């Protein structure tokens, strides 16, 4: 099971995206656990992640987050703005699994 963690400012819209991603994963038989957290929780939650996604609104933190996570073998990506805005769970799941 892949553990995908999404980090953003507060987590409201990201939580909606998580639901859409989970629906796609279930329909395709992909075994994932997806949870959204506020960015402030990154240090406490990153070790439970296989993949970390950042909401576009905190994309400016990508370099710092990569510096923390990539030495541990945890890939980091910023969710594309279009997919985030459209709540395109399928594209975001595909993006995450491709990291």
PDB file of N, CA and C in Angstrom:
ATOM      1  N   UNK A   1       0.832  -1.188   0.000  1.00  0.00           N
ATOM      2  CA  UNK A   1       0.000   0.000   0.000  1.00  0.00           C
ATOM      3  C   UNK A   1       0.874   1.248   0.000  1.00  0.00           C
ATOM      4  N   UNK A   2       0.587   2.141  -0.934  1.00  0.00           N
ATOM      5  CA  UNK A   2       1.295   3.425  -0.993  1.00  0.00           C
ATOM      6  C   UNK A   2       0.586   4.414  -0.074  1.00  0.00           C
ATOM      7  N   UNK A   3       1.382   5.124   0.713  1.00  0.00           N
ATOM      8  CA  UNK A   3       0.836   6.144   1.613  1.00  0.00           C
ATOM      9  C   UNK A   3       1.151   7.515   1.038  1.00  0.00           C
ATOM     10  N   UNK A   4       0.099   8.180   0.561  1.00  0.00           N
ATOM     11  CA  UNK A   4       0.239   9.501  -0.041  1.00  0.00           C
ATOM     12  C   UNK A   4      -0.245  10.528   0.972  1.00  0.00           C
ATOM     13  N   UNK A   5       0.564  11.542   1.205  1.00  0.00           N
ATOM     14  CA  UNK A   5       0.200  12.611   2.130  1.00  0.00           C
ATOM     15  C   UNK A   5       0.180  13.928   1.375  1.00  0.00           C
ATOM     16  N   UNK A   6      -0.911  14.659   1.518  1.00  0.00           N
ATOM     17  CA  UNK A   6      -1.060  15.972   0.905  1.00  0.00           C
ATOM     18  C   UNK A   6      -0.925  17.026   1.991  1.00  0.00           C
ATOM     19  N   UNK A   7      -0.165  18.049   1.694  1.00  0.00           N
ATOM     20  CA  UNK A   7       0.017  19.143   2.646  1.00  0.00           C
ATOM     21  C   UNK A   7      -0.366  20.461   1.978  1.00  0.00           C
ATOM     22  N   UNK A   8      -1.119  21.276   2.711  1.00  0.00           N
ATOM     23  CA  UNK A   8      -1.536  22.574   2.198  1.00  0.00           C
ATOM     24  C   UNK A   8      -1.676  23.532   3.376  1.00  0.00           C
ATOM     25  N   UNK A   9      -2.293  24.686   3.139  1.00  0.00           N
ATOM     26  CA  UNK A   9      -2.448  25.672   4.211  1.00  0.00           C
ATOM     27  C   UNK A   9      -3.357  25.157   5.321  1.00  0.00           C
ATOM     28  N   UNK A  10      -4.626  24.952   5.006  1.00  0.00           N
ATOM     29  CA  UNK A  10      -5.594  24.577   6.044  1.00  0.00           C
ATOM     30  C   UNK A  10      -6.141  23.175   5.854  1.00  0.00           C
ATOM     31  N   UNK A  11      -6.353  22.763   4.624  1.00  0.00           N
ATOM     32  CA  UNK A  11      -6.788  21.401   4.383  1.00  0.00           C
ATOM     33  C   UNK A  11      -8.214  21.215   3.899  1.00  0.00           C
ATOM     34  N   UNK A  12      -9.005  22.272   3.784  1.00  0.00           N
ATOM     35  CA  UNK A  12     -10.399  22.099   3.382  1.00  0.00           C
ATOM     36  C   UNK A  12     -10.521  21.601   1.945  1.00  0.00           C
ATOM     37  N   UNK A  13     -10.030  22.363   0.978  1.00  0.00           N
ATOM     38  CA  UNK A  13     -10.166  21.936  -0.413  1.00  0.00           C
ATOM     39  C   UNK A  13      -9.322  20.693  -0.672  1.00  0.00           C
ATOM     40  N   UNK A  14      -8.214  20.556   0.008  1.00  0.00           N
ATOM     41  CA  UNK A  14      -7.377  19.373  -0.176  1.00  0.00           C
ATOM     42  C   UNK A  14      -8.107  18.126   0.302  1.00  0.00           C
ATOM     43  N   UNK A  15      -8.912  18.245   1.340  1.00  0.00           N
ATOM     44  CA  UNK A  15      -9.693  17.105   1.812  1.00  0.00           C
ATOM     45  C   UNK A  15     -10.702  16.650   0.758  1.00  0.00           C
ATOM     46  N   UNK A  16     -11.273  17.591   0.026  1.00  0.00           N
ATOM     47  CA  UNK A  16     -12.181  17.223  -1.067  1.00  0.00           C
ATOM     48  C   UNK A  16     -11.411  16.477  -2.159  1.00  0.00           C
ATOM     49  N   UNK A  17     -10.215  16.941  -2.450  1.00  0.00           N
ATOM     50  CA  UNK A  17      -9.390  16.288  -3.466  1.00  0.00           C
ATOM     51  C   UNK A  17      -9.027  14.869  -3.028  1.00  0.00           C
ATOM     52  N   UNK A  18      -8.742  14.683  -1.751  1.00  0.00           N
ATOM     53  CA  UNK A  18      -8.431  13.350  -1.221  1.00  0.00           C
ATOM     54  C   UNK A  18      -9.587  12.389  -1.504  1.00  0.00           C
ATOM     55  N   UNK A  19     -10.804  12.821  -1.263  1.00  0.00           N
ATOM     56  CA  UNK A  19     -11.976  11.970  -1.518  1.00  0.00           C
ATOM     57  C   UNK A  19     -12.055  11.561  -2.983  1.00  0.00           C
ATOM     58  N   UNK A  20     -11.805  12.510  -3.878  1.00  0.00           N
ATOM     59  CA  UNK A  20     -11.837  12.216  -5.316  1.00  0.00           C
ATOM     60  C   UNK A  20     -10.730  11.229  -5.695  1.00  0.00           C
ATOM     61  N   UNK A  21      -9.550  11.412  -5.123  1.00  0.00           N
ATOM     62  CA  UNK A  21      -8.436  10.501  -5.399  1.00  0.00           C
ATOM     63  C   UNK A  21      -8.758   9.101  -4.881  1.00  0.00           C
ATOM     64  N   UNK A  22      -9.356   9.015  -3.702  1.00  0.00           N
ATOM     65  CA  UNK A  22      -9.710   7.709  -3.130  1.00  0.00           C
ATOM     66  C   UNK A  22     -10.743   6.993  -3.986  1.00  0.00           C
ATOM     67  N   UNK A  23     -11.703   7.736  -4.529  1.00  0.00           N
ATOM     68  CA  UNK A  23     -12.710   7.135  -5.411  1.00  0.00           C
ATOM     69  C   UNK A  23     -12.056   6.528  -6.640  1.00  0.00           C
ATOM     70  N   UNK A  24     -11.139   7.276  -7.250  1.00  0.00           N
ATOM     71  CA  UNK A  24     -10.436   6.786  -8.439  1.00  0.00           C
ATOM     72  C   UNK A  24      -9.624   5.540  -8.093  1.00  0.00           C
ATOM     73  N   UNK A  25      -8.891   5.592  -6.983  1.00  0.00           N
ATOM     74  CA  UNK A  25      -8.064   4.452  -6.577  1.00  0.00           C
ATOM     75  C   UNK A  25      -8.927   3.214  -6.350  1.00  0.00           C
ATOM     76  N   UNK A  26     -10.064   3.394  -5.693  1.00  0.00           N
ATOM     77  CA  UNK A  26     -10.952   2.259  -5.417  1.00  0.00           C
ATOM     78  C   UNK A  26     -11.488   1.675  -6.730  1.00  0.00           C
ATOM     79  N   UNK A  27     -11.907   2.540  -7.640  1.00  0.00           N
ATOM     80  CA  UNK A  27     -12.444   2.075  -8.925  1.00  0.00           C
ATOM     81  C   UNK A  27     -11.401   1.350  -9.764  1.00  0.00           C
ATOM     82  N   UNK A  28     -10.140   1.727  -9.609  1.00  0.00           N
ATOM     83  CA  UNK A  28      -9.064   1.110 -10.394  1.00  0.00           C
ATOM     84  C   UNK A  28      -8.348   0.000  -9.635  1.00  0.00           C
ATOM     85  N   UNK A  29      -8.754  -0.255  -8.401  1.00  0.00           N
ATOM     86  CA  UNK A  29      -8.110  -1.302  -7.613  1.00  0.00           C
ATOM     87  C   UNK A  29      -6.699  -0.960  -7.175  1.00  0.00           C
ATOM     88  N   UNK A  30      -6.425   0.320  -6.988  1.00  0.00           N
ATOM     89  CA  UNK A  30      -5.096   0.769  -6.551  1.00  0.00           C
ATOM     90  C   UNK A  30      -5.113   0.888  -5.028  1.00  0.00           C
ATOM     91  N   UNK A  31      -4.166   0.234  -4.381  1.00  0.00           N
ATOM     92  CA  UNK A  31      -4.116   0.188  -2.920  1.00  0.00           C
ATOM     93  C   UNK A  31      -3.315   1.372  -2.385  1.00  0.00           C
ATOM     94  N   UNK A  32      -4.027   2.412  -1.964  1.00  0.00           N
ATOM     95  CA  UNK A  32      -3.378   3.606  -1.426  1.00  0.00           C
ATOM     96  C   UNK A  32      -4.096   4.062  -0.158  1.00  0.00           C
ATOM     97  N   UNK A  33      -3.353   4.796   0.651  1.00  0.00           N
ATOM     98  CA  UNK A  33      -3.914   5.498   1.796  1.00  0.00           C
ATOM     99  C   UNK A  33      -3.562   6.963   1.592  1.00  0.00           C
ATOM    100  N   UNK A  34      -4.578   7.814   1.521  1.00  0.00           N
ATOM    101  CA  UNK A  34      -4.360   9.223   1.213  1.00  0.00           C
ATOM    102  C   UNK A  34      -4.927  10.057   2.360  1.00  0.00           C
ATOM    103  N   UNK A  35      -4.091  10.918   2.925  1.00  0.00           N
ATOM    104  CA  UNK A  35      -4.508  11.778   4.033  1.00  0.00           C
ATOM    105  C   UNK A  35      -3.968  13.183   3.783  1.00  0.00           C
ATOM    106  N   UNK A  36      -4.793  14.189   4.093  1.00  0.00           N
ATOM    107  CA  UNK A  36      -4.374  15.585   3.969  1.00  0.00           C
ATOM    108  C   UNK A  36      -4.088  16.167   5.346  1.00  0.00           C
ATOM    109  N   UNK A  37      -3.052  16.984   5.394  1.00  0.00           N
ATOM    110  CA  UNK A  37      -2.651  17.656   6.626  1.00  0.00           C
ATOM    111  C   UNK A  37      -2.301  19.108   6.318  1.00  0.00           C
ATOM    112  N   UNK A  38      -2.361  19.975   7.337  1.00  0.00           N
ATOM    113  CA  UNK A  38      -1.793  21.318   7.146  1.00  0.00           C
ATOM    114  C   UNK A  38      -0.270  21.222   7.065  1.00  0.00           C
ATOM    115  N   UNK A  39       0.337  22.137   6.341  1.00  0.00           N
ATOM    116  CA  UNK A  39       1.785  22.114   6.154  1.00  0.00           C
ATOM    117  C   UNK A  39       2.533  22.151   7.479  1.00  0.00           C
ATOM    118  N   UNK A  40       1.959  22.780   8.481  1.00  0.00           N
ATOM    119  CA  UNK A  40       2.609  22.844   9.799  1.00  0.00           C
ATOM    120  C   UNK A  40       2.860  21.464  10.399  1.00  0.00           C
ATOM    121  N   UNK A  41       2.131  20.449   9.943  1.00  0.00           N
ATOM    122  CA  UNK A  41       2.284  19.087  10.468  1.00  0.00           C
ATOM    123  C   UNK A  41       3.331  18.264   9.717  1.00  0.00           C
ATOM    124  N   UNK A  42       3.988  18.856   8.740  1.00  0.00           N
ATOM    125  CA  UNK A  42       4.924  18.107   7.893  1.00  0.00           C
ATOM    126  C   UNK A  42       5.972  17.348   8.692  1.00  0.00           C
ATOM    127  N   UNK A  43       6.657  18.002   9.603  1.00  0.00           N
ATOM    128  CA  UNK A  43       7.734  17.337  10.341  1.00  0.00           C
ATOM    129  C   UNK A  43       7.237  16.125  11.110  1.00  0.00           C
ATOM    130  N   UNK A  44       6.038  16.215  11.663  1.00  0.00           N
ATOM    131  CA  UNK A  44       5.489  15.118  12.459  1.00  0.00           C
ATOM    132  C   UNK A  44       4.944  13.987  11.590  1.00  0.00           C
ATOM    133  N   UNK A  45       4.545  14.283  10.358  1.00  0.00           N
ATOM    134  CA  UNK A  45       3.839  13.299   9.535  1.00  0.00           C
ATOM    135  C   UNK A  45       4.635  12.757   8.356  1.00  0.00           C
ATOM    136  N   UNK A  46       5.770  13.370   8.016  1.00  0.00           N
ATOM    137  CA  UNK A  46       6.451  12.965   6.777  1.00  0.00           C
ATOM    138  C   UNK A  46       6.995  11.543   6.826  1.00  0.00           C
ATOM    139  N   UNK A  47       7.360  11.052   7.998  1.00  0.00           N
ATOM    140  CA  UNK A  47       7.933   9.710   8.061  1.00  0.00           C
ATOM    141  C   UNK A  47       6.910   8.611   7.818  1.00  0.00           C
ATOM    142  N   UNK A  48       5.616   8.944   7.844  1.00  0.00           N
ATOM    143  CA  UNK A  48       4.597   7.940   7.561  1.00  0.00           C
ATOM    144  C   UNK A  48       4.219   7.935   6.078  1.00  0.00           C
ATOM    145  N   UNK A  49       4.889   8.755   5.276  1.00  0.00           N
ATOM    146  CA  UNK A  49       4.521   8.917   3.866  1.00  0.00           C
ATOM    147  C   UNK A  49       5.466   8.169   2.937  1.00  0.00           C
ATOM    148  N   UNK A  50       4.887   7.642   1.852  1.00  0.00           N
ATOM    149  CA  UNK A  50       5.680   7.124   0.734  1.00  0.00           C
ATOM    150  C   UNK A  50       5.832   8.198  -0.336  1.00  0.00           C
ATOM    151  N   UNK A  51       4.824   9.077  -0.424  1.00  0.00           N
ATOM    152  CA  UNK A  51       4.795  10.150  -1.419  1.00  0.00           C
ATOM    153  C   UNK A  51       4.208  11.386  -0.744  1.00  0.00           C
ATOM    154  N   UNK A  52       4.799  12.548  -0.990  1.00  0.00           N
ATOM    155  CA  UNK A  52       4.275  13.792  -0.437  1.00  0.00           C
ATOM    156  C   UNK A  52       3.900  14.726  -1.578  1.00  0.00           C
ATOM    157  N   UNK A  53       2.665  15.221  -1.499  1.00  0.00           N
ATOM    158  CA  UNK A  53       2.186  16.218  -2.450  1.00  0.00           C
ATOM    159  C   UNK A  53       1.926  17.520  -1.708  1.00  0.00           C
ATOM    160  N   UNK A  54       2.290  18.613  -2.352  1.00  0.00           N
ATOM    161  CA  UNK A  54       2.014  19.935  -1.807  1.00  0.00           C
ATOM    162  C   UNK A  54       0.912  20.582  -2.628  1.00  0.00           C
ATOM    163  N   UNK A  55      -0.018  21.232  -1.940  1.00  0.00           N
ATOM    164  CA  UNK A  55      -1.023  22.014  -2.648  1.00  0.00           C
ATOM    165  C   UNK A  55      -0.331  23.166  -3.360  1.00  0.00           C
ATOM    166  N   UNK A  56      -0.894  23.610  -4.492  1.00  0.00           N
ATOM    167  CA  UNK A  56      -0.243  24.688  -5.244  1.00  0.00           C
ATOM    168  C   UNK A  56      -0.054  25.968  -4.428  1.00  0.00           C
ATOM    169  N   UNK A  57      -0.933  26.193  -3.445  1.00  0.00           N
ATOM    170  CA  UNK A  57      -0.835  27.415  -2.636  1.00  0.00           C
ATOM    171  C   UNK A  57       0.379  27.404  -1.712  1.00  0.00           C
ATOM    172  N   UNK A  58       0.987  26.232  -1.495  1.00  0.00           N
ATOM    173  CA  UNK A  58       2.218  26.161  -0.701  1.00  0.00           C
ATOM    174  C   UNK A  58       3.388  25.643  -1.547  1.00  0.00           C
ATOM    175  N   UNK A  59       3.244  25.752  -2.858  1.00  0.00           N
ATOM    176  CA  UNK A  59       4.290  25.298  -3.768  1.00  0.00           C
ATOM    177  C   UNK A  59       5.622  25.995  -3.541  1.00  0.00           C
ATOM    178  N   UNK A  60       5.574  27.198  -2.995  1.00  0.00           N
ATOM    179  CA  UNK A  60       6.810  27.933  -2.700  1.00  0.00           C
ATOM    180  C   UNK A  60       7.669  27.204  -1.667  1.00  0.00           C
ATOM    181  N   UNK A  61       7.096  26.227  -0.964  1.00  0.00           N
ATOM    182  CA  UNK A  61       7.829  25.452   0.049  1.00  0.00           C
ATOM    183  C   UNK A  61       8.495  24.198  -0.547  1.00  0.00           C
ATOM    184  N   UNK A  62       8.335  23.985  -1.853  1.00  0.00           N
ATOM    185  CA  UNK A  62       8.813  22.744  -2.467  1.00  0.00           C
ATOM    186  C   UNK A  62      10.293  22.473  -2.193  1.00  0.00           C
ATOM    187  N   UNK A  63      11.147  23.458  -2.367  1.00  0.00           N
ATOM    188  CA  UNK A  63      12.587  23.238  -2.189  1.00  0.00           C
ATOM    189  C   UNK A  63      12.893  22.812  -0.749  1.00  0.00           C
ATOM    190  N   UNK A  64      12.290  23.493   0.213  1.00  0.00           N
ATOM    191  CA  UNK A  64      12.519  23.168   1.629  1.00  0.00           C
ATOM    192  C   UNK A  64      12.012  21.760   1.959  1.00  0.00           C
ATOM    193  N   UNK A  65      10.822  21.442   1.466  1.00  0.00           N
ATOM    194  CA  UNK A  65      10.226  20.132   1.755  1.00  0.00           C
ATOM    195  C   UNK A  65      11.047  19.024   1.094  1.00  0.00           C
ATOM    196  N   UNK A  66      11.478  19.254  -0.139  1.00  0.00           N
ATOM    197  CA  UNK A  66      12.337  18.263  -0.800  1.00  0.00           C
ATOM    198  C   UNK A  66      13.622  18.049  -0.010  1.00  0.00           C
ATOM    199  N   UNK A  67      14.177  19.111   0.532  1.00  0.00           N
ATOM    200  CA  UNK A  67      15.395  19.004   1.335  1.00  0.00           C
ATOM    201  C   UNK A  67      15.212  18.133   2.563  1.00  0.00           C
ATOM    202  N   UNK A  68      14.008  18.143   3.120  1.00  0.00           N
ATOM    203  CA  UNK A  68      13.704  17.315   4.288  1.00  0.00           C
ATOM    204  C   UNK A  68      13.366  15.877   3.912  1.00  0.00           C
ATOM    205  N   UNK A  69      12.640  15.709   2.808  1.00  0.00           N
ATOM    206  CA  UNK A  69      12.058  14.405   2.486  1.00  0.00           C
ATOM    207  C   UNK A  69      12.887  13.540   1.549  1.00  0.00           C
ATOM    208  N   UNK A  70      13.496  14.143   0.548  1.00  0.00           N
ATOM    209  CA  UNK A  70      14.195  13.331  -0.445  1.00  0.00           C
ATOM    210  C   UNK A  70      15.378  12.556   0.125  1.00  0.00           C
ATOM    211  N   UNK A  71      16.121  13.080   1.128  1.00  0.00           N
ATOM    212  CA  UNK A  71      17.179  12.252   1.718  1.00  0.00           C
ATOM    213  C   UNK A  71      16.621  10.976   2.376  1.00  0.00           C
ATOM    214  N   UNK A  72      15.342  10.982   2.722  1.00  0.00           N
ATOM    215  CA  UNK A  72      14.691   9.807   3.312  1.00  0.00           C
ATOM    216  C   UNK A  72      14.045   8.932   2.242  1.00  0.00           C
ATOM    217  N   UNK A  73      14.228   9.307   0.970  1.00  0.00           N
ATOM    218  CA  UNK A  73      13.661   8.527  -0.125  1.00  0.00           C
ATOM    219  C   UNK A  73      12.184   8.796  -0.359  1.00  0.00           C
ATOM    220  N   UNK A  74      11.688   9.926   0.126  1.00  0.00           N
ATOM    221  CA  UNK A  74      10.278  10.277  -0.043  1.00  0.00           C
ATOM    222  C   UNK A  74      10.169  11.326  -1.147  1.00  0.00           C
ATOM    223  N   UNK A  75       9.583  10.961  -2.299  1.00  0.00           N
ATOM    224  CA  UNK A  75       9.447  11.946  -3.371  1.00  0.00           C
ATOM    225  C   UNK A  75       8.420  13.020  -3.020  1.00  0.00           C
ATOM    226  N   UNK A  76       8.666  14.220  -3.536  1.00  0.00           N
ATOM    227  CA  UNK A  76       7.807  15.377  -3.267  1.00  0.00           C
ATOM    228  C   UNK A  76       7.413  16.005  -4.596  1.00  0.00           C
ATOM    229  N   UNK A  77       6.147  16.378  -4.714  1.00  0.00           N
ATOM    230  CA  UNK A  77       5.689  17.078  -5.906  1.00  0.00           C
ATOM    231  C   UNK A  77       4.633  18.109  -5.544  1.00  0.00           C
ATOM    232  N   UNK A  78       4.526  19.134  -6.388  1.00  0.00           N
ATOM    233  CA  UNK A  78       3.488  20.148  -6.211  1.00  0.00           C
ATOM    234  C   UNK A  78       2.342  19.799  -7.160  1.00  0.00           C
ATOM    235  N   UNK A  79       1.145  19.697  -6.613  1.00  0.00           N
ATOM    236  CA  UNK A  79      -0.028  19.357  -7.416  1.00  0.00           C
ATOM    237  C   UNK A  79      -0.219  20.442  -8.482  1.00  0.00           C
ATOM    238  N   UNK A  80      -0.349  20.041  -9.746  1.00  0.00           N
ATOM    239  CA  UNK A  80      -0.571  21.041 -10.801  1.00  0.00           C
ATOM    240  C   UNK A  80      -1.834  21.868 -10.509  1.00  0.00           C
ATOM    241  N   UNK A  81      -1.725  23.171 -10.679  1.00  0.00           N
ATOM    242  CA  UNK A  81      -2.808  24.098 -10.345  1.00  0.00           C
ATOM    243  C   UNK A  81      -4.122  23.746 -11.048  1.00  0.00           C
ATOM    244  N   UNK A  82      -4.044  23.389 -12.329  1.00  0.00           N
ATOM    245  CA  UNK A  82      -5.261  23.068 -13.077  1.00  0.00           C
ATOM    246  C   UNK A  82      -5.966  21.864 -12.478  1.00  0.00           C
ATOM    247  N   UNK A  83      -5.218  20.808 -12.177  1.00  0.00           N
ATOM    248  CA  UNK A  83      -5.821  19.604 -11.603  1.00  0.00           C
ATOM    249  C   UNK A  83      -6.371  19.873 -10.212  1.00  0.00           C
ATOM    250  N   UNK A  84      -5.675  20.704  -9.461  1.00  0.00           N
ATOM    251  CA  UNK A  84      -6.145  21.062  -8.119  1.00  0.00           C
ATOM    252  C   UNK A  84      -7.449  21.856  -8.211  1.00  0.00           C
ATOM    253  N   UNK A  85      -7.456  22.850  -9.077  1.00  0.00           N
ATOM    254  CA  UNK A  85      -8.631  23.698  -9.233  1.00  0.00           C
ATOM    255  C   UNK A  85      -9.850  22.941  -9.730  1.00  0.00           C
ATOM    256  N   UNK A  86      -9.620  21.956 -10.599  1.00  0.00           N
ATOM    257  CA  UNK A  86     -10.709  21.152 -11.153  1.00  0.00           C
ATOM    258  C   UNK A  86     -11.048  19.952 -10.254  1.00  0.00           C
ATOM    259  N   UNK A  87     -10.274  19.786  -9.168  1.00  0.00           N
ATOM    260  CA  UNK A  87     -10.454  18.630  -8.275  1.00  0.00           C
ATOM    261  C   UNK A  87     -10.392  17.323  -9.083  1.00  0.00           C
ATOM    262  N   UNK A  88      -9.390  17.247  -9.967  1.00  0.00           N
ATOM    263  CA  UNK A  88      -9.233  16.088 -10.839  1.00  0.00           C
ATOM    264  C   UNK A  88      -8.445  15.006 -10.102  1.00  0.00           C
ATOM    265  N   UNK A  89      -9.185  14.185  -9.364  1.00  0.00           N
ATOM    266  CA  UNK A  89      -8.573  13.142  -8.561  1.00  0.00           C
ATOM    267  C   UNK A  89      -7.759  12.147  -9.361  1.00  0.00           C
ATOM    268  N   UNK A  90      -8.237  11.833 -10.563  1.00  0.00           N
ATOM    269  CA  UNK A  90      -7.522  10.865 -11.397  1.00  0.00           C
ATOM    270  C   UNK A  90      -6.158  11.389 -11.819  1.00  0.00           C
ATOM    271  N   UNK A  91      -6.105  12.619 -12.288  1.00  0.00           N
ATOM    272  CA  UNK A  91      -4.821  13.187 -12.711  1.00  0.00           C
ATOM    273  C   UNK A  91      -3.858  13.336 -11.540  1.00  0.00           C
ATOM    274  N   UNK A  92      -4.379  13.768 -10.391  1.00  0.00           N
ATOM    275  CA  UNK A  92      -3.500  13.970  -9.227  1.00  0.00           C
ATOM    276  C   UNK A  92      -2.980  12.628  -8.723  1.00  0.00           C
ATOM    277  N   UNK A  93      -3.825  11.600  -8.706  1.00  0.00           N
ATOM    278  CA  UNK A  93      -3.366  10.269  -8.290  1.00  0.00           C
ATOM    279  C   UNK A  93      -2.293   9.758  -9.245  1.00  0.00           C
ATOM    280  N   UNK A  94      -2.519   9.907 -10.529  1.00  0.00           N
ATOM    281  CA  UNK A  94      -1.531   9.479 -11.532  1.00  0.00           C
ATOM    282  C   UNK A  94      -0.225  10.239 -11.352  1.00  0.00           C
ATOM    283  N   UNK A  95      -0.313  11.549 -11.122  1.00  0.00           N
ATOM    284  CA  UNK A  95       0.865  12.384 -10.880  1.00  0.00           C
ATOM    285  C   UNK A  95       1.633  11.872  -9.655  1.00  0.00           C
ATOM    286  N   UNK A  96       0.901  11.618  -8.565  1.00  0.00           N
ATOM    287  CA  UNK A  96       1.545  11.160  -7.314  1.00  0.00           C
ATOM    288  C   UNK A  96       2.255   9.836  -7.524  1.00  0.00           C
ATOM    289  N   UNK A  97       1.586   8.894  -8.155  1.00  0.00           N
ATOM    290  CA  UNK A  97       2.174   7.563  -8.331  1.00  0.00           C
ATOM    291  C   UNK A  97       3.340   7.576  -9.317  1.00  0.00           C
ATOM    292  N   UNK A  98       3.437   8.632 -10.118  1.00  0.00           N
ATOM    293  CA  UNK A  98       4.540   8.758 -11.070  1.00  0.00           C
ATOM    294  C   UNK A  98       5.781   9.427 -10.499  1.00  0.00           C
ATOM    295  N   UNK A  99       5.686   9.909  -9.265  1.00  0.00           N
ATOM    296  CA  UNK A  99       6.840  10.592  -8.660  1.00  0.00           C
ATOM    297  C   UNK A  99       7.926   9.603  -8.264  1.00  0.00           C
TER     298      UNK A  99
END
